[in-house]
Amino acid sequence: MLLSRQAIITLSAIGVVAAVLVVWGVLSSRAVHRQAAIVASATAPQPVIRPTIDLIGTASIALQACTLPSPPAAPDGATASLNQMLAARNEFQAYDAATNSYLSCVDATVNRIASQSASVAAKSDLDSLHMFGIRAHNTAIDQETAYVDQFNVQVRTYKAKHPSF
């Protein structure tokens, strides 16, 4: 069963939002536990603890400048003409280039925020930021892979109908 373009976009968006919420929840919980530990052992000498910084929130806002492309519609290999199949291939190549631009934007944004925050952020916060970036990166790759799978099914269907292709 092929998913519609809107369904793929919706599922991708839900996945990104869910990942953001999970990371935010983990970071919020971690901050509460960290504060409780500080209060409980206030009389003992403590190493310097860096404050929790909302790097995920900062990255979420900054990543809005990165445009996640929508996949093109896959042709119907059973009814498409050769020109339609070739046009679909060209649309995919443009989509692939746009996805690669998005990935570069995500990676650069996360690296910039990590670099700017390295002197004031805890290692765990920086690790969470990098995991957030990896999830955003992988979501785009998963979306493109799903489209490629759909497209390849249609190419095989087309080739089965046109063996001389």
N, C-alpha and C. Protein backbone atom coordinates (compact mmCIF):
# COMPACT_ATOMS: atom_id res chain seq x y z
N MET A 1 0.85 -1.17 0.00
CA MET A 1 0.00 0.00 0.00
C MET A 1 0.89 1.23 0.00
N LEU A 2 0.69 2.13 -0.94
CA LEU A 2 1.47 3.36 -1.03
C LEU A 2 0.80 4.43 -0.19
N LEU A 3 1.61 5.17 0.51
CA LEU A 3 1.08 6.29 1.29
C LEU A 3 1.00 7.51 0.39
N SER A 4 0.00 8.32 0.64
CA SER A 4 -0.10 9.55 -0.14
C SER A 4 1.00 10.51 0.29
N ARG A 5 1.25 11.46 -0.54
CA ARG A 5 2.28 12.46 -0.26
C ARG A 5 1.95 13.19 1.03
N GLN A 6 0.70 13.54 1.22
CA GLN A 6 0.27 14.24 2.44
C GLN A 6 0.48 13.35 3.66
N ALA A 7 0.20 12.05 3.53
CA ALA A 7 0.37 11.13 4.66
C ALA A 7 1.85 11.04 5.04
N ILE A 8 2.72 10.98 4.04
CA ILE A 8 4.16 10.91 4.32
C ILE A 8 4.63 12.18 5.01
N ILE A 9 4.18 13.32 4.52
CA ILE A 9 4.57 14.60 5.13
C ILE A 9 4.05 14.67 6.56
N THR A 10 2.80 14.27 6.75
CA THR A 10 2.19 14.31 8.09
C THR A 10 2.94 13.39 9.04
N LEU A 11 3.24 12.16 8.60
CA LEU A 11 3.96 11.22 9.45
C LEU A 11 5.36 11.73 9.77
N SER A 12 6.02 12.34 8.80
CA SER A 12 7.35 12.89 9.04
C SER A 12 7.29 14.02 10.06
N ALA A 13 6.31 14.89 9.91
CA ALA A 13 6.16 16.01 10.84
C ALA A 13 5.86 15.50 12.25
N ILE A 14 4.99 14.50 12.35
CA ILE A 14 4.66 13.93 13.65
C ILE A 14 5.91 13.33 14.28
N GLY A 15 6.71 12.64 13.47
CA GLY A 15 7.94 12.05 13.99
C GLY A 15 8.91 13.09 14.54
N VAL A 16 9.08 14.19 13.83
CA VAL A 16 9.98 15.26 14.28
C VAL A 16 9.45 15.88 15.57
N VAL A 17 8.15 16.16 15.62
CA VAL A 17 7.56 16.75 16.82
C VAL A 17 7.68 15.79 17.99
N ALA A 18 7.43 14.51 17.77
CA ALA A 18 7.54 13.52 18.84
C ALA A 18 8.97 13.46 19.36
N ALA A 19 9.94 13.48 18.46
CA ALA A 19 11.34 13.44 18.88
C ALA A 19 11.69 14.67 19.72
N VAL A 20 11.21 15.82 19.31
CA VAL A 20 11.46 17.05 20.06
C VAL A 20 10.85 16.95 21.45
N LEU A 21 9.62 16.48 21.53
CA LEU A 21 8.95 16.36 22.82
C LEU A 21 9.63 15.36 23.74
N VAL A 22 10.09 14.24 23.20
CA VAL A 22 10.79 13.25 24.01
C VAL A 22 12.09 13.84 24.56
N VAL A 23 12.85 14.47 23.70
CA VAL A 23 14.12 15.07 24.15
C VAL A 23 13.86 16.17 25.16
N TRP A 24 12.87 16.99 24.92
CA TRP A 24 12.53 18.06 25.87
C TRP A 24 12.13 17.47 27.21
N GLY A 25 11.33 16.40 27.19
CA GLY A 25 10.90 15.75 28.43
C GLY A 25 12.09 15.18 29.19
N VAL A 26 12.99 14.55 28.47
CA VAL A 26 14.18 13.98 29.12
C VAL A 26 15.03 15.10 29.72
N LEU A 27 15.23 16.16 28.97
CA LEU A 27 16.04 17.27 29.48
C LEU A 27 15.37 17.94 30.68
N SER A 28 14.06 18.12 30.63
CA SER A 28 13.35 18.73 31.76
C SER A 28 13.46 17.86 32.99
N SER A 29 13.27 16.57 32.82
CA SER A 29 13.37 15.63 33.94
C SER A 29 14.79 15.63 34.50
N ARG A 30 15.76 15.66 33.62
CA ARG A 30 17.16 15.66 34.04
C ARG A 30 17.47 16.93 34.85
N ALA A 31 16.91 18.05 34.44
CA ALA A 31 17.15 19.31 35.15
C ALA A 31 16.56 19.26 36.55
N VAL A 32 15.36 18.69 36.70
CA VAL A 32 14.73 18.58 38.02
C VAL A 32 15.56 17.69 38.92
N HIS A 33 16.02 16.55 38.41
CA HIS A 33 16.82 15.64 39.22
C HIS A 33 18.17 16.27 39.58
N ARG A 34 18.73 17.02 38.66
CA ARG A 34 20.00 17.68 38.91
C ARG A 34 19.84 18.72 40.03
N GLN A 35 18.75 19.48 40.00
CA GLN A 35 18.50 20.48 41.04
C GLN A 35 18.27 19.82 42.39
N ALA A 36 17.55 18.70 42.43
CA ALA A 36 17.30 18.00 43.68
C ALA A 36 18.60 17.48 44.28
N ALA A 37 19.49 16.99 43.48
CA ALA A 37 20.78 16.50 43.96
C ALA A 37 21.62 17.63 44.52
N ILE A 38 21.56 18.78 43.92
CA ILE A 38 22.32 19.94 44.41
C ILE A 38 21.80 20.36 45.78
N VAL A 39 20.49 20.42 45.93
CA VAL A 39 19.89 20.82 47.21
C VAL A 39 20.20 19.80 48.29
N ALA A 40 20.13 18.51 47.98
CA ALA A 40 20.33 17.45 48.96
C ALA A 40 21.76 17.43 49.49
N SER A 41 22.70 17.79 48.68
CA SER A 41 24.09 17.72 49.12
C SER A 41 24.73 19.10 49.19
N ALA A 42 23.98 20.09 49.60
CA ALA A 42 24.47 21.47 49.64
C ALA A 42 25.60 21.65 50.64
N THR A 43 25.67 20.82 51.68
CA THR A 43 26.70 20.98 52.69
C THR A 43 28.04 20.37 52.27
N ALA A 44 28.01 19.42 51.39
CA ALA A 44 29.25 18.79 50.94
C ALA A 44 29.88 19.64 49.84
N PRO A 45 31.20 19.65 49.75
CA PRO A 45 31.84 20.39 48.66
C PRO A 45 31.44 19.79 47.31
N GLN A 46 31.08 20.65 46.42
CA GLN A 46 30.59 20.21 45.12
C GLN A 46 31.50 20.69 44.00
N PRO A 47 31.63 19.85 42.98
CA PRO A 47 32.34 20.35 41.80
C PRO A 47 31.44 21.38 41.11
N VAL A 48 32.03 22.17 40.28
CA VAL A 48 31.26 23.18 39.56
C VAL A 48 30.29 22.48 38.62
N ILE A 49 29.02 22.81 38.75
CA ILE A 49 27.98 22.24 37.89
C ILE A 49 27.49 23.34 36.98
N ARG A 50 27.57 23.07 35.71
CA ARG A 50 27.10 24.05 34.73
C ARG A 50 25.58 24.03 34.67
N PRO A 51 24.97 25.18 34.51
CA PRO A 51 23.51 25.21 34.44
C PRO A 51 23.02 24.53 33.16
N THR A 52 21.82 23.99 33.24
CA THR A 52 21.21 23.39 32.07
C THR A 52 20.79 24.50 31.11
N ILE A 53 21.14 24.32 29.87
CA ILE A 53 20.81 25.29 28.84
C ILE A 53 19.85 24.61 27.87
N ASP A 54 18.84 25.32 27.42
CA ASP A 54 17.85 24.74 26.51
C ASP A 54 18.38 24.77 25.08
N LEU A 55 19.34 23.90 24.82
CA LEU A 55 19.92 23.84 23.48
C LEU A 55 18.94 23.25 22.48
N ILE A 56 18.07 22.36 22.93
CA ILE A 56 17.08 21.75 22.03
C ILE A 56 16.09 22.82 21.57
N GLY A 57 15.63 23.65 22.49
CA GLY A 57 14.72 24.73 22.12
C GLY A 57 15.39 25.70 21.15
N THR A 58 16.64 26.02 21.44
CA THR A 58 17.40 26.91 20.56
C THR A 58 17.54 26.29 19.18
N ALA A 59 17.86 25.00 19.14
CA ALA A 59 18.02 24.32 17.86
C ALA A 59 16.69 24.21 17.12
N SER A 60 15.62 23.96 17.85
CA SER A 60 14.29 23.86 17.21
C SER A 60 13.94 25.15 16.49
N ILE A 61 14.21 26.25 17.13
CA ILE A 61 13.92 27.56 16.52
C ILE A 61 14.85 27.79 15.32
N ALA A 62 16.13 27.50 15.51
CA ALA A 62 17.10 27.74 14.43
C ALA A 62 16.84 26.84 13.22
N LEU A 63 16.36 25.63 13.46
CA LEU A 63 16.12 24.69 12.35
C LEU A 63 14.92 25.08 11.51
N GLN A 64 14.13 26.03 11.96
CA GLN A 64 13.02 26.51 11.14
C GLN A 64 13.54 27.17 9.87
N ALA A 65 14.78 27.61 9.88
CA ALA A 65 15.39 28.20 8.68
C ALA A 65 15.77 27.14 7.66
N CYS A 66 15.82 25.88 8.08
CA CYS A 66 16.13 24.77 7.18
C CYS A 66 14.81 24.25 6.60
N THR A 67 14.72 24.17 5.29
CA THR A 67 13.48 23.77 4.64
C THR A 67 13.53 22.29 4.28
N LEU A 68 12.67 21.50 4.95
CA LEU A 68 12.55 20.07 4.64
C LEU A 68 11.67 19.94 3.40
N PRO A 69 12.23 19.42 2.31
CA PRO A 69 11.43 19.33 1.08
C PRO A 69 10.37 18.22 1.17
N SER A 70 9.32 18.40 0.41
CA SER A 70 8.29 17.37 0.30
C SER A 70 8.62 16.50 -0.91
N PRO A 71 8.41 15.20 -0.76
CA PRO A 71 8.71 14.33 -1.91
C PRO A 71 7.70 14.56 -3.02
N PRO A 72 8.15 14.40 -4.27
CA PRO A 72 7.22 14.53 -5.39
C PRO A 72 6.29 13.31 -5.44
N ALA A 73 5.24 13.42 -6.21
CA ALA A 73 4.32 12.29 -6.38
C ALA A 73 5.00 11.23 -7.24
N ALA A 74 4.90 9.99 -6.82
CA ALA A 74 5.46 8.89 -7.61
C ALA A 74 4.50 8.59 -8.76
N PRO A 75 5.03 8.33 -9.93
CA PRO A 75 4.15 8.01 -11.07
C PRO A 75 3.54 6.62 -10.89
N ASP A 76 2.50 6.37 -11.63
CA ASP A 76 1.90 5.03 -11.67
C ASP A 76 2.56 4.27 -12.81
N GLY A 77 3.43 3.35 -12.47
CA GLY A 77 4.19 2.62 -13.48
C GLY A 77 3.33 1.81 -14.44
N ALA A 78 2.11 1.49 -14.04
CA ALA A 78 1.23 0.71 -14.90
C ALA A 78 0.64 1.55 -16.02
N THR A 79 0.53 2.85 -15.81
CA THR A 79 -0.12 3.71 -16.81
C THR A 79 0.78 4.83 -17.33
N ALA A 80 1.92 5.05 -16.70
CA ALA A 80 2.78 6.19 -17.07
C ALA A 80 3.47 5.95 -18.41
N SER A 81 3.70 7.05 -19.10
CA SER A 81 4.48 7.00 -20.34
C SER A 81 5.96 7.10 -20.00
N LEU A 82 6.80 6.84 -20.98
CA LEU A 82 8.24 6.97 -20.76
C LEU A 82 8.58 8.39 -20.34
N ASN A 83 7.97 9.39 -20.99
CA ASN A 83 8.24 10.79 -20.64
C ASN A 83 7.83 11.08 -19.20
N GLN A 84 6.73 10.51 -18.74
CA GLN A 84 6.31 10.72 -17.35
C GLN A 84 7.30 10.07 -16.38
N MET A 85 7.79 8.90 -16.72
CA MET A 85 8.78 8.23 -15.86
C MET A 85 10.08 9.03 -15.81
N LEU A 86 10.51 9.54 -16.95
CA LEU A 86 11.73 10.35 -16.99
C LEU A 86 11.54 11.66 -16.22
N ALA A 87 10.37 12.27 -16.34
CA ALA A 87 10.08 13.49 -15.59
C ALA A 87 10.09 13.20 -14.09
N ALA A 88 9.54 12.06 -13.70
CA ALA A 88 9.53 11.68 -12.28
C ALA A 88 10.96 11.48 -11.77
N ARG A 89 11.81 10.89 -12.62
CA ARG A 89 13.21 10.72 -12.22
C ARG A 89 13.87 12.08 -12.01
N ASN A 90 13.60 13.03 -12.90
CA ASN A 90 14.16 14.38 -12.75
C ASN A 90 13.63 15.07 -11.49
N GLU A 91 12.34 14.86 -11.20
CA GLU A 91 11.77 15.43 -9.97
C GLU A 91 12.43 14.83 -8.74
N PHE A 92 12.70 13.51 -8.81
CA PHE A 92 13.39 12.88 -7.69
C PHE A 92 14.79 13.47 -7.50
N GLN A 93 15.50 13.68 -8.60
CA GLN A 93 16.85 14.23 -8.49
C GLN A 93 16.82 15.62 -7.85
N ALA A 94 15.82 16.42 -8.20
CA ALA A 94 15.69 17.74 -7.57
C ALA A 94 15.34 17.59 -6.09
N TYR A 95 14.46 16.64 -5.78
CA TYR A 95 14.09 16.37 -4.38
C TYR A 95 15.30 15.90 -3.59
N ASP A 96 16.11 15.03 -4.18
CA ASP A 96 17.32 14.54 -3.52
C ASP A 96 18.28 15.69 -3.24
N ALA A 97 18.45 16.59 -4.19
CA ALA A 97 19.34 17.75 -4.00
C ALA A 97 18.80 18.64 -2.88
N ALA A 98 17.48 18.86 -2.85
CA ALA A 98 16.87 19.68 -1.80
C ALA A 98 17.01 19.01 -0.43
N THR A 99 16.89 17.68 -0.40
CA THR A 99 17.06 16.95 0.86
C THR A 99 18.50 17.08 1.35
N ASN A 100 19.45 16.97 0.42
CA ASN A 100 20.86 17.13 0.81
C ASN A 100 21.15 18.53 1.33
N SER A 101 20.51 19.54 0.75
CA SER A 101 20.67 20.92 1.25
C SER A 101 20.09 21.03 2.66
N TYR A 102 18.93 20.41 2.89
CA TYR A 102 18.32 20.41 4.22
C TYR A 102 19.25 19.74 5.23
N LEU A 103 19.81 18.59 4.86
CA LEU A 103 20.71 17.88 5.77
C LEU A 103 21.93 18.73 6.11
N SER A 104 22.48 19.41 5.12
CA SER A 104 23.63 20.29 5.36
C SER A 104 23.24 21.42 6.31
N CYS A 105 22.04 21.96 6.10
CA CYS A 105 21.56 23.04 6.96
C CYS A 105 21.40 22.55 8.41
N VAL A 106 20.80 21.37 8.58
CA VAL A 106 20.61 20.80 9.92
C VAL A 106 21.96 20.59 10.59
N ASP A 107 22.87 19.94 9.89
CA ASP A 107 24.18 19.64 10.46
C ASP A 107 24.93 20.93 10.83
N ALA A 108 24.92 21.90 9.94
CA ALA A 108 25.61 23.17 10.20
C ALA A 108 24.98 23.91 11.37
N THR A 109 23.66 23.91 11.45
CA THR A 109 22.97 24.61 12.53
C THR A 109 23.29 23.98 13.88
N VAL A 110 23.21 22.67 13.95
CA VAL A 110 23.50 21.98 15.22
C VAL A 110 24.96 22.19 15.61
N ASN A 111 25.86 22.10 14.66
CA ASN A 111 27.29 22.31 14.96
C ASN A 111 27.56 23.74 15.40
N ARG A 112 26.87 24.71 14.78
CA ARG A 112 27.05 26.11 15.18
C ARG A 112 26.57 26.34 16.62
N ILE A 113 25.41 25.81 16.95
CA ILE A 113 24.87 25.99 18.31
C ILE A 113 25.76 25.28 19.32
N ALA A 114 26.23 24.09 18.99
CA ALA A 114 27.13 23.37 19.90
C ALA A 114 28.43 24.14 20.11
N SER A 115 28.97 24.67 19.05
CA SER A 115 30.22 25.44 19.15
C SER A 115 30.03 26.71 19.99
N GLN A 116 28.92 27.41 19.76
CA GLN A 116 28.66 28.63 20.51
C GLN A 116 28.39 28.36 21.99
N SER A 117 27.90 27.17 22.31
CA SER A 117 27.50 26.84 23.68
C SER A 117 28.51 25.98 24.41
N ALA A 118 29.57 25.56 23.75
CA ALA A 118 30.51 24.61 24.33
C ALA A 118 31.11 25.08 25.65
N SER A 119 31.36 26.36 25.79
CA SER A 119 32.02 26.85 27.00
C SER A 119 31.07 27.01 28.18
N VAL A 120 29.76 27.01 27.92
CA VAL A 120 28.80 27.21 29.01
C VAL A 120 27.83 26.05 29.23
N ALA A 121 27.76 25.13 28.30
CA ALA A 121 26.80 24.03 28.39
C ALA A 121 27.45 22.79 28.99
N ALA A 122 26.64 22.02 29.69
CA ALA A 122 27.10 20.74 30.22
C ALA A 122 27.27 19.75 29.06
N LYS A 123 28.14 18.79 29.26
CA LYS A 123 28.37 17.77 28.22
C LYS A 123 27.07 17.04 27.89
N SER A 124 26.27 16.75 28.89
CA SER A 124 25.01 16.04 28.63
C SER A 124 24.08 16.87 27.76
N ASP A 125 24.08 18.20 27.95
CA ASP A 125 23.25 19.06 27.10
C ASP A 125 23.77 19.07 25.66
N LEU A 126 25.07 19.11 25.51
CA LEU A 126 25.65 19.06 24.16
C LEU A 126 25.39 17.71 23.50
N ASP A 127 25.46 16.64 24.29
CA ASP A 127 25.15 15.31 23.75
C ASP A 127 23.69 15.24 23.30
N SER A 128 22.79 15.80 24.10
CA SER A 128 21.37 15.81 23.73
C SER A 128 21.15 16.63 22.46
N LEU A 129 21.86 17.74 22.33
CA LEU A 129 21.75 18.55 21.13
C LEU A 129 22.18 17.75 19.90
N HIS A 130 23.29 17.05 20.02
CA HIS A 130 23.77 16.25 18.89
C HIS A 130 22.79 15.13 18.55
N MET A 131 22.19 14.51 19.56
CA MET A 131 21.18 13.47 19.30
C MET A 131 19.95 14.07 18.61
N PHE A 132 19.58 15.27 18.99
CA PHE A 132 18.46 15.97 18.36
C PHE A 132 18.77 16.19 16.88
N GLY A 133 19.98 16.63 16.59
CA GLY A 133 20.40 16.84 15.20
C GLY A 133 20.40 15.55 14.41
N ILE A 134 20.87 14.48 15.03
CA ILE A 134 20.89 13.17 14.36
C ILE A 134 19.47 12.72 14.03
N ARG A 135 18.54 12.94 14.96
CA ARG A 135 17.15 12.54 14.71
C ARG A 135 16.54 13.35 13.57
N ALA A 136 16.79 14.65 13.55
CA ALA A 136 16.27 15.48 12.45
C ALA A 136 16.87 15.03 11.12
N HIS A 137 18.15 14.75 11.13
CA HIS A 137 18.86 14.28 9.94
C HIS A 137 18.26 12.95 9.47
N ASN A 138 18.11 12.00 10.40
CA ASN A 138 17.62 10.67 10.05
C ASN A 138 16.16 10.69 9.60
N THR A 139 15.36 11.61 10.14
CA THR A 139 13.97 11.72 9.71
C THR A 139 13.90 12.08 8.23
N ALA A 140 14.73 13.00 7.80
CA ALA A 140 14.76 13.38 6.38
C ALA A 140 15.23 12.21 5.52
N ILE A 141 16.23 11.49 5.98
CA ILE A 141 16.73 10.33 5.24
C ILE A 141 15.64 9.26 5.14
N ASP A 142 14.94 9.02 6.25
CA ASP A 142 13.86 8.02 6.24
C ASP A 142 12.75 8.42 5.27
N GLN A 143 12.42 9.71 5.24
CA GLN A 143 11.39 10.19 4.32
C GLN A 143 11.82 9.96 2.87
N GLU A 144 13.06 10.28 2.57
CA GLU A 144 13.55 10.09 1.21
C GLU A 144 13.62 8.60 0.85
N THR A 145 14.04 7.79 1.78
CA THR A 145 14.12 6.34 1.54
C THR A 145 12.73 5.77 1.24
N ALA A 146 11.72 6.22 1.98
CA ALA A 146 10.35 5.75 1.74
C ALA A 146 9.91 6.13 0.33
N TYR A 147 10.25 7.35 -0.10
CA TYR A 147 9.89 7.76 -1.45
C TYR A 147 10.62 6.92 -2.49
N VAL A 148 11.90 6.68 -2.28
CA VAL A 148 12.69 5.89 -3.22
C VAL A 148 12.09 4.49 -3.35
N ASP A 149 11.68 3.92 -2.22
CA ASP A 149 11.05 2.59 -2.27
C ASP A 149 9.78 2.62 -3.11
N GLN A 150 8.95 3.65 -2.93
CA GLN A 150 7.72 3.79 -3.71
C GLN A 150 8.05 3.95 -5.20
N PHE A 151 9.00 4.81 -5.49
CA PHE A 151 9.38 5.08 -6.86
C PHE A 151 9.92 3.81 -7.53
N ASN A 152 10.75 3.07 -6.82
CA ASN A 152 11.33 1.85 -7.39
C ASN A 152 10.26 0.81 -7.71
N VAL A 153 9.24 0.73 -6.87
CA VAL A 153 8.13 -0.18 -7.17
C VAL A 153 7.48 0.22 -8.50
N GLN A 154 7.29 1.51 -8.71
CA GLN A 154 6.67 1.98 -9.94
C GLN A 154 7.58 1.77 -11.15
N VAL A 155 8.88 1.91 -10.96
CA VAL A 155 9.83 1.65 -12.06
C VAL A 155 9.78 0.17 -12.44
N ARG A 156 9.75 -0.72 -11.44
CA ARG A 156 9.66 -2.15 -11.75
C ARG A 156 8.34 -2.47 -12.46
N THR A 157 7.26 -1.83 -12.04
CA THR A 157 5.96 -2.03 -12.69
C THR A 157 6.04 -1.56 -14.14
N TYR A 158 6.63 -0.40 -14.36
CA TYR A 158 6.77 0.13 -15.71
C TYR A 158 7.61 -0.83 -16.58
N LYS A 159 8.73 -1.28 -16.03
CA LYS A 159 9.62 -2.18 -16.80
C LYS A 159 8.93 -3.50 -17.10
N ALA A 160 8.10 -3.98 -16.19
CA ALA A 160 7.37 -5.24 -16.44
C ALA A 160 6.39 -5.04 -17.59
N LYS A 161 5.79 -3.87 -17.67
CA LYS A 161 4.82 -3.60 -18.73
C LYS A 161 5.52 -3.29 -20.06
N HIS A 162 6.73 -2.75 -19.97
CA HIS A 162 7.50 -2.38 -21.16
C HIS A 162 8.85 -3.10 -21.12
N PRO A 163 8.88 -4.39 -21.44
CA PRO A 163 10.12 -5.17 -21.30
C PRO A 163 11.29 -4.64 -22.14
N SER A 164 11.00 -3.91 -23.22
CA SER A 164 12.09 -3.40 -24.05
C SER A 164 12.77 -2.19 -23.43
N PHE A 165 12.26 -1.69 -22.33
CA PHE A 165 12.81 -0.49 -21.68
C PHE A 165 14.12 -0.83 -21.09
